[in-house]
Amino acid sequence: MTNYHHIASLLTPAFVNDYPVGQNIAYQDWLCSDQRCVDSITEDELEPEWDKVLEDFYIEVEDFDKRVVQKFQQNPGQVIGHFTQVKSLI
């Protein structure tokens, strides 16, 4: 499971040209019910699955209103910011 959090940073203003901006941290959870499970996680398993993280960001395309491409606007009720950032890198 991938989780996302926006972090505050002195290097990133809260708004740029009236649009909210931020940095994102993605991390993956492992579900363990006891210490034996935790102890059995290998170093390789702790490596992020970057393809999964990017896929989770990218699937926001399903909520993206393509009519806002000419001028980026807020899309109330839908999360699309990760998609627009990933798409701009591809």
Protein backbone atom coordinates (compact mmCIF):
# COMPACT_ATOMS: atom_id res chain seq x y z
CA MET A 1 0.00 0.00 0.00
CA THR A 2 1.37 3.42 -0.92
CA ASN A 3 0.67 6.41 1.29
CA TYR A 4 1.28 10.06 0.50
CA HIS A 5 1.97 13.03 2.69
CA HIS A 6 2.68 16.64 1.83
CA ILE A 7 5.58 18.08 3.77
CA ALA A 8 6.18 21.68 4.76
CA SER A 9 9.46 23.14 3.65
CA LEU A 10 11.14 26.51 3.92
CA LEU A 11 12.24 25.99 0.31
CA THR A 12 8.70 25.64 -1.03
CA PRO A 13 6.27 28.53 -0.65
CA ALA A 14 2.70 27.58 0.22
CA PHE A 15 1.38 29.26 -2.94
CA VAL A 16 2.90 30.13 -6.32
CA ASN A 17 0.83 32.50 -8.46
CA ASP A 18 -2.21 31.76 -6.27
CA TYR A 19 -1.92 27.96 -6.74
CA PRO A 20 -1.20 25.77 -3.71
CA VAL A 21 2.04 23.84 -4.09
CA GLY A 22 3.94 21.38 -1.97
CA GLN A 23 6.36 18.51 -1.88
CA ASN A 24 5.20 14.94 -1.67
CA ILE A 25 6.54 11.95 0.16
CA ALA A 26 5.32 8.50 -0.79
CA TYR A 27 5.92 5.49 1.39
CA GLN A 28 4.76 1.92 1.37
CA ASP A 29 3.33 0.03 4.33
CA TRP A 30 3.85 -3.59 5.29
CA LEU A 31 1.09 -5.14 7.33
CA CYS A 32 2.45 -7.26 10.15
CA SER A 33 0.49 -8.59 13.08
CA ASP A 34 3.44 -9.63 15.23
CA GLN A 35 7.16 -9.08 15.81
CA ARG A 36 8.09 -12.29 13.98
CA CYS A 37 6.56 -10.85 10.83
CA VAL A 38 8.44 -7.56 11.30
CA ASP A 39 11.71 -9.41 11.89
CA SER A 40 11.22 -11.47 8.73
CA ILE A 41 11.11 -8.46 6.38
CA THR A 42 14.26 -8.50 4.27
CA GLU A 43 16.28 -5.50 3.14
CA ASP A 44 15.21 -6.15 -0.45
CA GLU A 45 11.57 -5.95 0.61
CA LEU A 46 12.23 -2.52 2.11
CA GLU A 47 13.28 -1.15 -1.28
CA PRO A 48 10.51 1.10 -2.62
CA GLU A 49 8.53 -0.25 -5.53
CA TRP A 50 8.92 2.92 -7.62
CA ASP A 51 6.85 1.60 -10.50
CA LYS A 52 3.94 1.11 -8.06
CA VAL A 53 4.41 4.59 -6.55
CA LEU A 54 4.40 6.20 -10.01
CA GLU A 55 1.42 4.11 -11.08
CA ASP A 56 -0.49 5.22 -7.98
CA PHE A 57 0.29 8.85 -8.82
CA TYR A 58 -0.55 8.35 -12.50
CA ILE A 59 -3.98 6.76 -11.97
CA GLU A 60 -5.18 10.21 -10.95
CA VAL A 61 -5.60 10.68 -14.73
CA GLU A 62 -9.01 9.04 -14.27
CA ASP A 63 -10.11 12.11 -12.28
CA PHE A 64 -8.41 14.66 -14.53
CA ASP A 65 -10.64 17.01 -16.51
CA LYS A 66 -8.78 17.46 -19.81
CA ARG A 67 -10.62 20.73 -20.43
CA VAL A 68 -8.31 22.45 -17.91
CA VAL A 69 -5.14 21.68 -19.90
CA GLN A 70 -5.04 25.11 -21.56
CA LYS A 71 -5.10 26.82 -18.18
CA PHE A 72 -4.56 24.73 -15.09
CA GLN A 73 -7.37 25.23 -12.60
CA GLN A 74 -8.44 23.69 -9.36
CA ASN A 75 -10.56 20.57 -9.77
CA PRO A 76 -12.66 20.60 -6.57
CA GLY A 77 -13.32 17.19 -5.07
CA GLN A 78 -10.74 15.36 -7.19
CA VAL A 79 -7.04 14.80 -6.52
CA ILE A 80 -5.07 15.44 -9.73
CA GLY A 81 -1.88 17.20 -8.64
CA HIS A 82 0.31 14.09 -8.59
CA PHE A 83 -0.85 13.15 -12.09
CA THR A 84 0.00 16.57 -13.51
CA GLN A 85 3.46 16.46 -11.92
CA VAL A 86 4.26 12.94 -13.14
CA LYS A 87 2.87 13.60 -16.61
CA SER A 88 5.06 16.68 -16.97
CA LEU A 89 8.14 14.49 -16.37
CA ILE A 90 7.24 11.84 -18.95
